[in-house]
PDB file of N, CA and C in Angstrom:
ATOM      1  N   UNK A   1      74.298-205.628  56.643  1.00  0.00           N
ATOM      2  CA  UNK A   1      73.655-204.567  57.372  1.00  0.00           C
ATOM      3  C   UNK A   1      73.359-205.010  58.802  1.00  0.00           C
ATOM      4  N   UNK A   2      72.810-206.195  58.956  1.00  0.00           N
ATOM      5  CA  UNK A   2      72.462-206.695  60.289  1.00  0.00           C
ATOM      6  C   UNK A   2      73.713-206.879  61.143  1.00  0.00           C
ATOM      7  N   UNK A   3      74.769-207.371  60.546  1.00  0.00           N
ATOM      8  CA  UNK A   3      76.004-207.586  61.292  1.00  0.00           C
ATOM      9  C   UNK A   3      76.577-206.250  61.781  1.00  0.00           C
ATOM     10  N   UNK A   4      76.511-205.220  60.924  1.00  0.00           N
ATOM     11  CA  UNK A   4      77.023-203.911  61.321  1.00  0.00           C
ATOM     12  C   UNK A   4      76.169-203.321  62.438  1.00  0.00           C
ATOM     13  N   UNK A   5      74.854-203.471  62.356  1.00  0.00           N
ATOM     14  CA  UNK A   5      73.980-202.974  63.418  1.00  0.00           C
ATOM     15  C   UNK A   5      74.244-203.679  64.735  1.00  0.00           C
ATOM     16  N   UNK A   6      74.452-204.982  64.673  1.00  0.00           N
ATOM     17  CA  UNK A   6      74.755-205.747  65.874  1.00  0.00           C
ATOM     18  C   UNK A   6      76.091-205.311  66.472  1.00  0.00           C
ATOM     19  N   UNK A   7      77.081-205.106  65.623  1.00  0.00           N
ATOM     20  CA  UNK A   7      78.387-204.666  66.104  1.00  0.00           C
ATOM     21  C   UNK A   7      78.299-203.278  66.723  1.00  0.00           C
ATOM     22  N   UNK A   8      77.544-202.380  66.115  1.00  0.00           N
ATOM     23  CA  UNK A   8      77.393-201.032  66.649  1.00  0.00           C
ATOM     24  C   UNK A   8      76.678-201.056  67.991  1.00  0.00           C
ATOM     25  N   UNK A   9      75.598-201.818  68.086  1.00  0.00           N
ATOM     26  CA  UNK A   9      74.863-201.910  69.349  1.00  0.00           C
ATOM     27  C   UNK A   9      75.739-202.496  70.456  1.00  0.00           C
ATOM     28  N   UNK A  10      76.475-203.534  70.139  1.00  0.00           N
ATOM     29  CA  UNK A  10      77.355-204.138  71.139  1.00  0.00           C
ATOM     30  C   UNK A  10      78.497-203.222  71.528  1.00  0.00           C
ATOM     31  N   UNK A  11      79.074-202.529  70.554  1.00  0.00           N
ATOM     32  CA  UNK A  11      80.185-201.621  70.856  1.00  0.00           C
ATOM     33  C   UNK A  11      79.718-200.463  71.727  1.00  0.00           C
ATOM     34  N   UNK A  12      78.559-199.907  71.423  1.00  0.00           N
ATOM     35  CA  UNK A  12      78.033-198.833  72.260  1.00  0.00           C
ATOM     36  C   UNK A  12      77.681-199.329  73.656  1.00  0.00           C
ATOM     37  N   UNK A  13      77.140-200.517  73.744  1.00  0.00           N
ATOM     38  CA  UNK A  13      76.799-201.079  75.057  1.00  0.00           C
ATOM     39  C   UNK A  13      78.049-201.333  75.892  1.00  0.00           C
ATOM     40  N   UNK A  14      79.114-201.816  75.266  1.00  0.00           N
ATOM     41  CA  UNK A  14      80.348-202.035  76.036  1.00  0.00           C
ATOM     42  C   UNK A  14      80.966-200.715  76.462  1.00  0.00           C
ATOM     43  N   UNK A  15      80.832-199.692  75.646  1.00  0.00           N
ATOM     44  CA  UNK A  15      81.340-198.371  76.053  1.00  0.00           C
ATOM     45  C   UNK A  15      80.533-197.800  77.204  1.00  0.00           C
ATOM     46  N   UNK A  16      79.274-198.216  77.322  1.00  0.00           N
ATOM     47  CA  UNK A  16      78.430-197.730  78.423  1.00  0.00           C
ATOM     48  C   UNK A  16      78.536-198.597  79.668  1.00  0.00           C
ATOM     49  N   UNK A  17      79.385-199.619  79.639  1.00  0.00           N
ATOM     50  CA  UNK A  17      79.626-200.390  80.853  1.00  0.00           C
ATOM     51  C   UNK A  17      79.222-201.846  80.817  1.00  0.00           C
ATOM     52  N   UNK A  18      78.802-202.346  79.687  1.00  0.00           N
ATOM     53  CA  UNK A  18      78.457-203.773  79.586  1.00  0.00           C
ATOM     54  C   UNK A  18      79.740-204.596  79.630  1.00  0.00           C
ATOM     55  N   UNK A  19      79.790-205.524  80.554  1.00  0.00           N
ATOM     56  CA  UNK A  19      80.995-206.354  80.693  1.00  0.00           C
ATOM     57  C   UNK A  19      81.055-207.399  79.587  1.00  0.00           C
ATOM     58  N   UNK A  20      82.264-207.790  79.192  1.00  0.00           N
ATOM     59  CA  UNK A  20      82.392-208.805  78.133  1.00  0.00           C
ATOM     60  C   UNK A  20      81.716-210.127  78.492  1.00  0.00           C
ATOM     61  N   UNK A  21      81.769-210.494  79.761  1.00  0.00           N
ATOM     62  CA  UNK A  21      81.136-211.746  80.183  1.00  0.00           C
ATOM     63  C   UNK A  21      79.621-211.682  79.979  1.00  0.00           C
ATOM     64  N   UNK A  22      79.039-210.536  80.258  1.00  0.00           N
ATOM     65  CA  UNK A  22      77.603-210.358  80.057  1.00  0.00           C
ATOM     66  C   UNK A  22      77.258-210.367  78.578  1.00  0.00           C
ATOM     67  N   UNK A  23      78.117-209.779  77.769  1.00  0.00           N
ATOM     68  CA  UNK A  23      77.907-209.784  76.322  1.00  0.00           C
ATOM     69  C   UNK A  23      77.923-211.210  75.780  1.00  0.00           C
ATOM     70  N   UNK A  24      78.901-211.990  76.209  1.00  0.00           N
ATOM     71  CA  UNK A  24      78.993-213.387  75.758  1.00  0.00           C
ATOM     72  C   UNK A  24      77.772-214.176  76.216  1.00  0.00           C
ATOM     73  N   UNK A  25      77.382-213.994  77.477  1.00  0.00           N
ATOM     74  CA  UNK A  25      76.236-214.762  77.975  1.00  0.00           C
ATOM     75  C   UNK A  25      74.940-214.363  77.273  1.00  0.00           C
ATOM     76  N   UNK A  26      74.798-213.086  76.929  1.00  0.00           N
ATOM     77  CA  UNK A  26      73.578-212.688  76.220  1.00  0.00           C
ATOM     78  C   UNK A  26      73.536-213.286  74.818  1.00  0.00           C
ATOM     79  N   UNK A  27      74.678-213.308  74.137  1.00  0.00           N
ATOM     80  CA  UNK A  27      74.723-213.937  72.809  1.00  0.00           C
ATOM     81  C   UNK A  27      74.470-215.440  72.920  1.00  0.00           C
ATOM     82  N   UNK A  28      75.074-216.090  73.906  1.00  0.00           N
ATOM     83  CA  UNK A  28      74.854-217.529  74.080  1.00  0.00           C
ATOM     84  C   UNK A  28      73.398-217.837  74.393  1.00  0.00           C
ATOM     85  N   UNK A  29      72.786-217.021  75.226  1.00  0.00           N
ATOM     86  CA  UNK A  29      71.389-217.251  75.579  1.00  0.00           C
ATOM     87  C   UNK A  29      70.476-217.074  74.370  1.00  0.00           C
ATOM     88  N   UNK A  30      70.699-216.011  73.609  1.00  0.00           N
ATOM     89  CA  UNK A  30      69.858-215.763  72.433  1.00  0.00           C
ATOM     90  C   UNK A  30      70.037-216.847  71.378  1.00  0.00           C
ATOM     91  N   UNK A  31      71.272-217.120  71.011  1.00  0.00           N
ATOM     92  CA  UNK A  31      71.534-218.104  69.958  1.00  0.00           C
ATOM     93  C   UNK A  31      71.237-219.526  70.420  1.00  0.00           C
ATOM     94  N   UNK A  32      71.553-219.820  71.670  1.00  0.00           N
ATOM     95  CA  UNK A  32      71.300-221.158  72.203  1.00  0.00           C
ATOM     96  C   UNK A  32      69.827-221.483  72.304  1.00  0.00           C
ATOM     97  N   UNK A  33      69.018-220.496  72.693  1.00  0.00           N
ATOM     98  CA  UNK A  33      67.584-220.765  72.784  1.00  0.00           C
ATOM     99  C   UNK A  33      66.986-221.013  71.403  1.00  0.00           C
ATOM    100  N   UNK A  34      67.408-220.228  70.416  1.00  0.00           N
ATOM    101  CA  UNK A  34      66.906-220.453  69.054  1.00  0.00           C
ATOM    102  C   UNK A  34      67.355-221.805  68.514  1.00  0.00           C
ATOM    103  N   UNK A  35      68.609-222.143  68.723  1.00  0.00           N
ATOM    104  CA  UNK A  35      69.109-223.438  68.247  1.00  0.00           C
ATOM    105  C   UNK A  35      68.450-224.589  69.004  1.00  0.00           C
ATOM    106  N   UNK A  36      68.247-224.423  70.292  1.00  0.00           N
ATOM    107  CA  UNK A  36      67.618-225.479  71.085  1.00  0.00           C
ATOM    108  C   UNK A  36      66.189-225.759  70.651  1.00  0.00           C
ATOM    109  N   UNK A  37      65.436-224.703  70.412  1.00  0.00           N
ATOM    110  CA  UNK A  37      64.054-224.878  69.953  1.00  0.00           C
ATOM    111  C   UNK A  37      64.036-225.546  68.577  1.00  0.00           C
ATOM    112  N   UNK A  38      64.953-225.133  67.716  1.00  0.00           N
ATOM    113  CA  UNK A  38      65.008-225.725  66.371  1.00  0.00           C
ATOM    114  C   UNK A  38      65.377-227.200  66.416  1.00  0.00           C
ATOM    115  N   UNK A  39      66.381-227.538  67.209  1.00  0.00           N
ATOM    116  CA  UNK A  39      66.800-228.940  67.317  1.00  0.00           C
ATOM    117  C   UNK A  39      65.695-229.780  67.950  1.00  0.00           C
ATOM    118  N   UNK A  40      65.035-229.248  68.956  1.00  0.00           N
ATOM    119  CA  UNK A  40      63.952-229.981  69.602  1.00  0.00           C
ATOM    120  C   UNK A  40      62.787-230.217  68.638  1.00  0.00           C
ATOM    121  N   UNK A  41      62.406-229.187  67.905  1.00  0.00           N
ATOM    122  CA  UNK A  41      61.302-229.332  66.954  1.00  0.00           C
ATOM    123  C   UNK A  41      61.673-230.302  65.830  1.00  0.00           C
ATOM    124  N   UNK A  42      62.873-230.180  65.298  1.00  0.00           N
ATOM    125  CA  UNK A  42      63.307-231.076  64.234  1.00  0.00           C
ATOM    126  C   UNK A  42      63.432-232.517  64.702  1.00  0.00           C
ATOM    127  N   UNK A  43      63.962-232.704  65.894  1.00  0.00           N
ATOM    128  CA  UNK A  43      64.113-234.063  66.427  1.00  0.00           C
ATOM    129  C   UNK A  43      62.757-234.709  66.700  1.00  0.00           C
ATOM    130  N   UNK A  44      61.842-233.935  67.238  1.00  0.00           N
ATOM    131  CA  UNK A  44      60.498-234.465  67.507  1.00  0.00           C
ATOM    132  C   UNK A  44      59.795-234.834  66.208  1.00  0.00           C
ATOM    133  N   UNK A  45      59.892-233.963  65.212  1.00  0.00           N
ATOM    134  CA  UNK A  45      59.262-234.258  63.923  1.00  0.00           C
ATOM    135  C   UNK A  45      59.916-235.471  63.268  1.00  0.00           C
ATOM    136  N   UNK A  46      61.230-235.583  63.334  1.00  0.00           N
ATOM    137  CA  UNK A  46      61.925-236.735  62.760  1.00  0.00           C
ATOM    138  C   UNK A  46      61.544-238.034  63.440  1.00  0.00           C
ATOM    139  N   UNK A  47      61.480-238.005  64.780  1.00  0.00           N
ATOM    140  CA  UNK A  47      61.109-239.215  65.511  1.00  0.00           C
ATOM    141  C   UNK A  47      59.671-239.612  65.179  1.00  0.00           C
ATOM    142  N   UNK A  48      58.762-238.635  65.135  1.00  0.00           N
ATOM    143  CA  UNK A  48      57.364-238.946  64.837  1.00  0.00           C
ATOM    144  C   UNK A  48      57.221-239.525  63.431  1.00  0.00           C
ATOM    145  N   UNK A  49      57.936-238.966  62.486  1.00  0.00           N
ATOM    146  CA  UNK A  49      57.859-239.479  61.109  1.00  0.00           C
ATOM    147  C   UNK A  49      58.408-240.897  61.004  1.00  0.00           C
ATOM    148  N   UNK A  50      59.521-241.165  61.673  1.00  0.00           N
ATOM    149  CA  UNK A  50      60.064-242.528  61.602  1.00  0.00           C
ATOM    150  C   UNK A  50      59.179-243.514  62.348  1.00  0.00           C
ATOM    151  N   UNK A  51      58.553-243.094  63.445  1.00  0.00           N
ATOM    152  CA  UNK A  51      57.668-243.994  64.189  1.00  0.00           C
ATOM    153  C   UNK A  51      56.434-244.346  63.368  1.00  0.00           C
ATOM    154  N   UNK A  52      55.950-243.391  62.587  1.00  0.00           N
ATOM    155  CA  UNK A  52      54.766-243.650  61.765  1.00  0.00           C
ATOM    156  C   UNK A  52      55.136-244.427  60.503  1.00  0.00           C
ATOM    157  N   UNK A  53      56.242-244.069  59.883  1.00  0.00           N
ATOM    158  CA  UNK A  53      56.554-244.652  58.572  1.00  0.00           C
ATOM    159  C   UNK A  53      57.280-246.001  58.647  1.00  0.00           C
ATOM    160  N   UNK A  54      57.956-246.307  59.751  1.00  0.00           N
ATOM    161  CA  UNK A  54      58.703-247.575  59.827  1.00  0.00           C
ATOM    162  C   UNK A  54      57.799-248.798  59.620  1.00  0.00           C
ATOM    163  N   UNK A  55      56.639-248.887  60.270  1.00  0.00           N
ATOM    164  CA  UNK A  55      55.774-250.044  60.004  1.00  0.00           C
ATOM    165  C   UNK A  55      55.227-250.074  58.575  1.00  0.00           C
ATOM    166  N   UNK A  56      55.095-248.921  57.944  1.00  0.00           N
ATOM    167  CA  UNK A  56      54.559-248.887  56.574  1.00  0.00           C
ATOM    168  C   UNK A  56      55.552-249.433  55.557  1.00  0.00           C
ATOM    169  N   UNK A  57      56.833-249.354  55.860  1.00  0.00           N
ATOM    170  CA  UNK A  57      57.854-249.838  54.932  1.00  0.00           C
ATOM    171  C   UNK A  57      58.213-251.303  55.145  1.00  0.00           C
ATOM    172  N   UNK A  58      57.572-251.949  56.094  1.00  0.00           N
ATOM    173  CA  UNK A  58      57.842-253.362  56.365  1.00  0.00           C
ATOM    174  C   UNK A  58      57.271-254.195  55.218  1.00  0.00           C
ATOM    175  N   UNK A  59      58.128-254.917  54.475  1.00  0.00           N
ATOM    176  CA  UNK A  59      57.631-255.670  53.323  1.00  0.00           C
ATOM    177  C   UNK A  59      56.823-256.900  53.716  1.00  0.00           C
ATOM    178  N   UNK A  60      57.054-257.425  54.905  1.00  0.00           N
ATOM    179  CA  UNK A  60      56.296-258.600  55.347  1.00  0.00           C
ATOM    180  C   UNK A  60      55.932-258.423  56.825  1.00  0.00           C
ATOM    181  N   UNK A  61      54.836-257.762  57.090  1.00  0.00           N
ATOM    182  CA  UNK A  61      54.472-257.460  58.478  1.00  0.00           C
ATOM    183  C   UNK A  61      54.058-258.686  59.297  1.00  0.00           C
ATOM    184  N   UNK A  62      53.814-259.824  58.679  1.00  0.00           N
ATOM    185  CA  UNK A  62      53.415-261.023  59.412  1.00  0.00           C
ATOM    186  C   UNK A  62      54.606-261.755  60.014  1.00  0.00           C
ATOM    187  N   UNK A  63      55.816-261.403  59.584  1.00  0.00           N
ATOM    188  CA  UNK A  63      57.017-262.038  60.132  1.00  0.00           C
ATOM    189  C   UNK A  63      57.558-261.255  61.319  1.00  0.00           C
ATOM    190  N   UNK A  64      58.184-261.988  62.225  1.00  0.00           N
ATOM    191  CA  UNK A  64      58.828-261.350  63.379  1.00  0.00           C
ATOM    192  C   UNK A  64      60.270-261.048  63.037  1.00  0.00           C
ATOM    193  N   UNK A  65      60.922-260.057  63.522  1.00  0.00           N
ATOM    194  CA  UNK A  65      60.443-259.018  64.434  1.00  0.00           C
ATOM    195  C   UNK A  65      59.658-257.959  63.668  1.00  0.00           C
ATOM    196  N   UNK A  66      58.733-257.351  64.370  1.00  0.00           N
ATOM    197  CA  UNK A  66      57.921-256.303  63.774  1.00  0.00           C
ATOM    198  C   UNK A  66      58.760-255.035  63.603  1.00  0.00           C
ATOM    199  N   UNK A  67      58.432-254.289  62.601  1.00  0.00           N
ATOM    200  CA  UNK A  67      59.147-253.027  62.361  1.00  0.00           C
ATOM    201  C   UNK A  67      58.785-252.034  63.455  1.00  0.00           C
ATOM    202  N   UNK A  68      59.784-251.336  63.929  1.00  0.00           N
ATOM    203  CA  UNK A  68      59.577-250.325  64.967  1.00  0.00           C
ATOM    204  C   UNK A  68      60.468-249.129  64.653  1.00  0.00           C
ATOM    205  N   UNK A  69      60.232-248.069  65.376  1.00  0.00           N
ATOM    206  CA  UNK A  69      61.047-246.869  65.190  1.00  0.00           C
ATOM    207  C   UNK A  69      62.486-247.179  65.590  1.00  0.00           C
ATOM    208  N   UNK A  70      63.452-246.717  64.821  1.00  0.00           N
ATOM    209  CA  UNK A  70      64.855-246.982  65.142  1.00  0.00           C
ATOM    210  C   UNK A  70      65.306-246.186  66.359  1.00  0.00           C
ATOM    211  N   UNK A  71      66.418-246.605  66.917  1.00  0.00           N
ATOM    212  CA  UNK A  71      67.011-245.899  68.047  1.00  0.00           C
ATOM    213  C   UNK A  71      67.746-244.671  67.506  1.00  0.00           C
ATOM    214  N   UNK A  72      67.281-243.499  67.882  1.00  0.00           N
ATOM    215  CA  UNK A  72      67.826-242.264  67.343  1.00  0.00           C
ATOM    216  C   UNK A  72      68.767-241.539  68.298  1.00  0.00           C
ATOM    217  N   UNK A  73      69.232-242.211  69.337  1.00  0.00           N
ATOM    218  CA  UNK A  73      70.083-241.559  70.333  1.00  0.00           C
ATOM    219  C   UNK A  73      71.388-241.073  69.703  1.00  0.00           C
ATOM    220  N   UNK A  74      71.996-241.874  68.868  1.00  0.00           N
ATOM    221  CA  UNK A  74      73.250-241.462  68.228  1.00  0.00           C
ATOM    222  C   UNK A  74      73.065-240.259  67.318  1.00  0.00           C
ATOM    223  N   UNK A  75      72.003-240.290  66.526  1.00  0.00           N
ATOM    224  CA  UNK A  75      71.724-239.175  65.629  1.00  0.00           C
ATOM    225  C   UNK A  75      71.401-237.903  66.410  1.00  0.00           C
ATOM    226  N   UNK A  76      70.586-238.038  67.445  1.00  0.00           N
ATOM    227  CA  UNK A  76      70.209-236.862  68.230  1.00  0.00           C
ATOM    228  C   UNK A  76      71.399-236.280  68.986  1.00  0.00           C
ATOM    229  N   UNK A  77      72.261-237.130  69.512  1.00  0.00           N
ATOM    230  CA  UNK A  77      73.433-236.609  70.221  1.00  0.00           C
ATOM    231  C   UNK A  77      74.401-235.931  69.260  1.00  0.00           C
ATOM    232  N   UNK A  78      74.552-236.468  68.059  1.00  0.00           N
ATOM    233  CA  UNK A  78      75.399-235.816  67.052  1.00  0.00           C
ATOM    234  C   UNK A  78      74.804-234.481  66.626  1.00  0.00           C
ATOM    235  N   UNK A  79      73.487-234.440  66.445  1.00  0.00           N
ATOM    236  CA  UNK A  79      72.819-233.190  66.085  1.00  0.00           C
ATOM    237  C   UNK A  79      72.971-232.151  67.190  1.00  0.00           C
ATOM    238  N   UNK A  80      72.815-232.567  68.421  1.00  0.00           N
ATOM    239  CA  UNK A  80      72.951-231.652  69.550  1.00  0.00           C
ATOM    240  C   UNK A  80      74.386-231.141  69.678  1.00  0.00           C
ATOM    241  N   UNK A  81      75.370-232.020  69.516  1.00  0.00           N
ATOM    242  CA  UNK A  81      76.770-231.600  69.586  1.00  0.00           C
ATOM    243  C   UNK A  81      77.108-230.622  68.463  1.00  0.00           C
ATOM    244  N   UNK A  82      76.584-230.877  67.281  1.00  0.00           N
ATOM    245  CA  UNK A  82      76.811-229.964  66.161  1.00  0.00           C
ATOM    246  C   UNK A  82      76.163-228.611  66.415  1.00  0.00           C
ATOM    247  N   UNK A  83      74.959-228.612  66.967  1.00  0.00           N
ATOM    248  CA  UNK A  83      74.276-227.349  67.273  1.00  0.00           C
ATOM    249  C   UNK A  83      75.038-226.558  68.327  1.00  0.00           C
ATOM    250  N   UNK A  84      75.568-227.236  69.331  1.00  0.00           N
ATOM    251  CA  UNK A  84      76.353-226.550  70.361  1.00  0.00           C
ATOM    252  C   UNK A  84      77.614-225.945  69.751  1.00  0.00           C
ATOM    253  N   UNK A  85      78.274-226.682  68.872  1.00  0.00           N
ATOM    254  CA  UNK A  85      79.484-226.158  68.225  1.00  0.00           C
ATOM    255  C   UNK A  85      79.163-224.959  67.335  1.00  0.00           C
ATOM    256  N   UNK A  86      78.064-225.022  66.608  1.00  0.00           N
ATOM    257  CA  UNK A  86      77.681-223.907  65.738  1.00  0.00           C
ATOM    258  C   UNK A  86      77.328-222.674  66.567  1.00  0.00           C
ATOM    259  N   UNK A  87      76.597-222.862  67.666  1.00  0.00           N
ATOM    260  CA  UNK A  87      76.254-221.735  68.532  1.00  0.00           C
ATOM    261  C   UNK A  87      77.516-221.115  69.120  1.00  0.00           C
ATOM    262  N   UNK A  88      78.457-221.940  69.536  1.00  0.00           N
ATOM    263  CA  UNK A  88      79.705-221.410  70.095  1.00  0.00           C
ATOM    264  C   UNK A  88      80.488-220.623  69.049  1.00  0.00           C
ATOM    265  N   UNK A  89      80.570-221.126  67.834  1.00  0.00           N
ATOM    266  CA  UNK A  89      81.295-220.415  66.778  1.00  0.00           C
ATOM    267  C   UNK A  89      80.611-219.105  66.389  1.00  0.00           C
ATOM    268  N   UNK A  90      79.300-219.113  66.285  1.00  0.00           N
ATOM    269  CA  UNK A  90      78.583-217.889  65.931  1.00  0.00           C
ATOM    270  C   UNK A  90      78.691-216.869  67.061  1.00  0.00           C
ATOM    271  N   UNK A  91      78.625-217.334  68.302  1.00  0.00           N
ATOM    272  CA  UNK A  91      78.784-216.430  69.442  1.00  0.00           C
ATOM    273  C   UNK A  91      80.183-215.826  69.446  1.00  0.00           C
ATOM    274  N   UNK A  92      81.178-216.648  69.206  1.00  0.00           N
ATOM    275  CA  UNK A  92      82.555-216.141  69.152  1.00  0.00           C
ATOM    276  C   UNK A  92      82.700-215.095  68.054  1.00  0.00           C
ATOM    277  N   UNK A  93      82.119-215.357  66.895  1.00  0.00           N
ATOM    278  CA  UNK A  93      82.186-214.412  65.788  1.00  0.00           C
ATOM    279  C   UNK A  93      81.479-213.100  66.128  1.00  0.00           C
ATOM    280  N   UNK A  94      80.316-213.185  66.754  1.00  0.00           N
ATOM    281  CA  UNK A  94      79.564-211.975  67.103  1.00  0.00           C
ATOM    282  C   UNK A  94      80.300-211.148  68.150  1.00  0.00           C
ATOM    283  N   UNK A  95      80.836-211.812  69.161  1.00  0.00           N
ATOM    284  CA  UNK A  95      81.572-211.088  70.207  1.00  0.00           C
ATOM    285  C   UNK A  95      82.852-210.503  69.634  1.00  0.00           C
ATOM    286  N   UNK A  96      83.487-211.221  68.756  1.00  0.00           N
ATOM    287  CA  UNK A  96      84.719-210.721  68.129  1.00  0.00           C
ATOM    288  C   UNK A  96      84.423-209.486  67.288  1.00  0.00           C
ATOM    289  N   UNK A  97      83.311-209.492  66.560  1.00  0.00           N
ATOM    290  CA  UNK A  97      82.971-208.322  65.749  1.00  0.00           C
ATOM    291  C   UNK A  97      82.627-207.121  66.624  1.00  0.00           C
ATOM    292  N   UNK A  98      82.058-207.372  67.801  1.00  0.00           N
ATOM    293  CA  UNK A  98      81.744-206.274  68.716  1.00  0.00           C
ATOM    294  C   UNK A  98      83.014-205.710  69.328  1.00  0.00           C
ATOM    295  N   UNK A  99      83.913-206.582  69.761  1.00  0.00           N
ATOM    296  CA  UNK A  99      85.121-206.098  70.421  1.00  0.00           C
ATOM    297  C   UNK A  99      86.100-205.463  69.451  1.00  0.00           C
ATOM    298  N   UNK A 100      86.077-205.863  68.200  1.00  0.00           N
ATOM    299  CA  UNK A 100      87.005-205.299  67.221  1.00  0.00           C
ATOM    300  C   UNK A 100      86.422-204.095  66.490  1.00  0.00           C
ATOM    301  N   UNK A 101      85.172-203.761  66.773  1.00  0.00           N
ATOM    302  CA  UNK A 101      84.511-202.675  66.055  1.00  0.00           C
ATOM    303  C   UNK A 101      85.015-201.324  66.510  1.00  0.00           C
ATOM    304  N   UNK A 102      85.138-200.439  65.559  1.00  0.00           N
ATOM    305  CA  UNK A 102      85.444-199.049  65.857  1.00  0.00           C
ATOM    306  C   UNK A 102      84.142-198.272  65.692  1.00  0.00           C
ATOM    307  N   UNK A 103      83.699-197.670  66.786  1.00  0.00           N
ATOM    308  CA  UNK A 103      82.374-197.043  66.811  1.00  0.00           C
ATOM    309  C   UNK A 103      82.280-195.928  65.784  1.00  0.00           C
ATOM    310  N   UNK A 104      83.324-195.148  65.631  1.00  0.00           N
ATOM    311  CA  UNK A 104      83.303-194.041  64.673  1.00  0.00           C
ATOM    312  C   UNK A 104      83.081-194.512  63.245  1.00  0.00           C
ATOM    313  N   UNK A 105      83.739-195.583  62.876  1.00  0.00           N
ATOM    314  CA  UNK A 105      83.571-196.128  61.519  1.00  0.00           C
ATOM    315  C   UNK A 105      82.182-196.705  61.317  1.00  0.00           C
ATOM    316  N   UNK A 106      81.628-197.330  62.383  1.00  0.00           N
ATOM    317  CA  UNK A 106      80.297-197.926  62.260  1.00  0.00           C
ATOM    318  C   UNK A 106      79.217-196.852  62.145  1.00  0.00           C
ATOM    319  N   UNK A 107      79.397-195.753  62.851  1.00  0.00           N
ATOM    320  CA  UNK A 107      78.395-194.690  62.801  1.00  0.00           C
ATOM    321  C   UNK A 107      78.409-194.007  61.437  1.00  0.00           C
ATOM    322  N   UNK A 108      79.609-193.777  60.877  1.00  0.00           N
ATOM    323  CA  UNK A 108      79.699-193.156  59.560  1.00  0.00           C
ATOM    324  C   UNK A 108      79.124-194.045  58.479  1.00  0.00           C
ATOM    325  N   UNK A 109      79.309-195.377  58.663  1.00  0.00           N
ATOM    326  CA  UNK A 109      78.906-196.445  57.848  1.00  0.00           C
ATOM    327  C   UNK A 109      78.398-196.318  56.530  1.00  0.00           C
TER     328      UNK A 109
END
């Protein structure tokens, strides 16, 4: 139902003069902001949990080196790259459904 409503709204907007570039940018902005907030919140929570729990899992805290939070740059960059790829694919799918939609069929729905 949501996909059909989105396709109908986009198809009507393009018939009223919305350019394809604007349609793509609006989808990218909407989906990218949601994905960005989610990745940021998840990454912050993950880093905070590992920073707190790493010293607790140290079996011998009197020995050097002391336990510290691991370097999460590789994990965060992989997560960010995956989020960008997912946003691009979902945006492509949404724009494709709008451009391939037949307004008459969607209205009869």
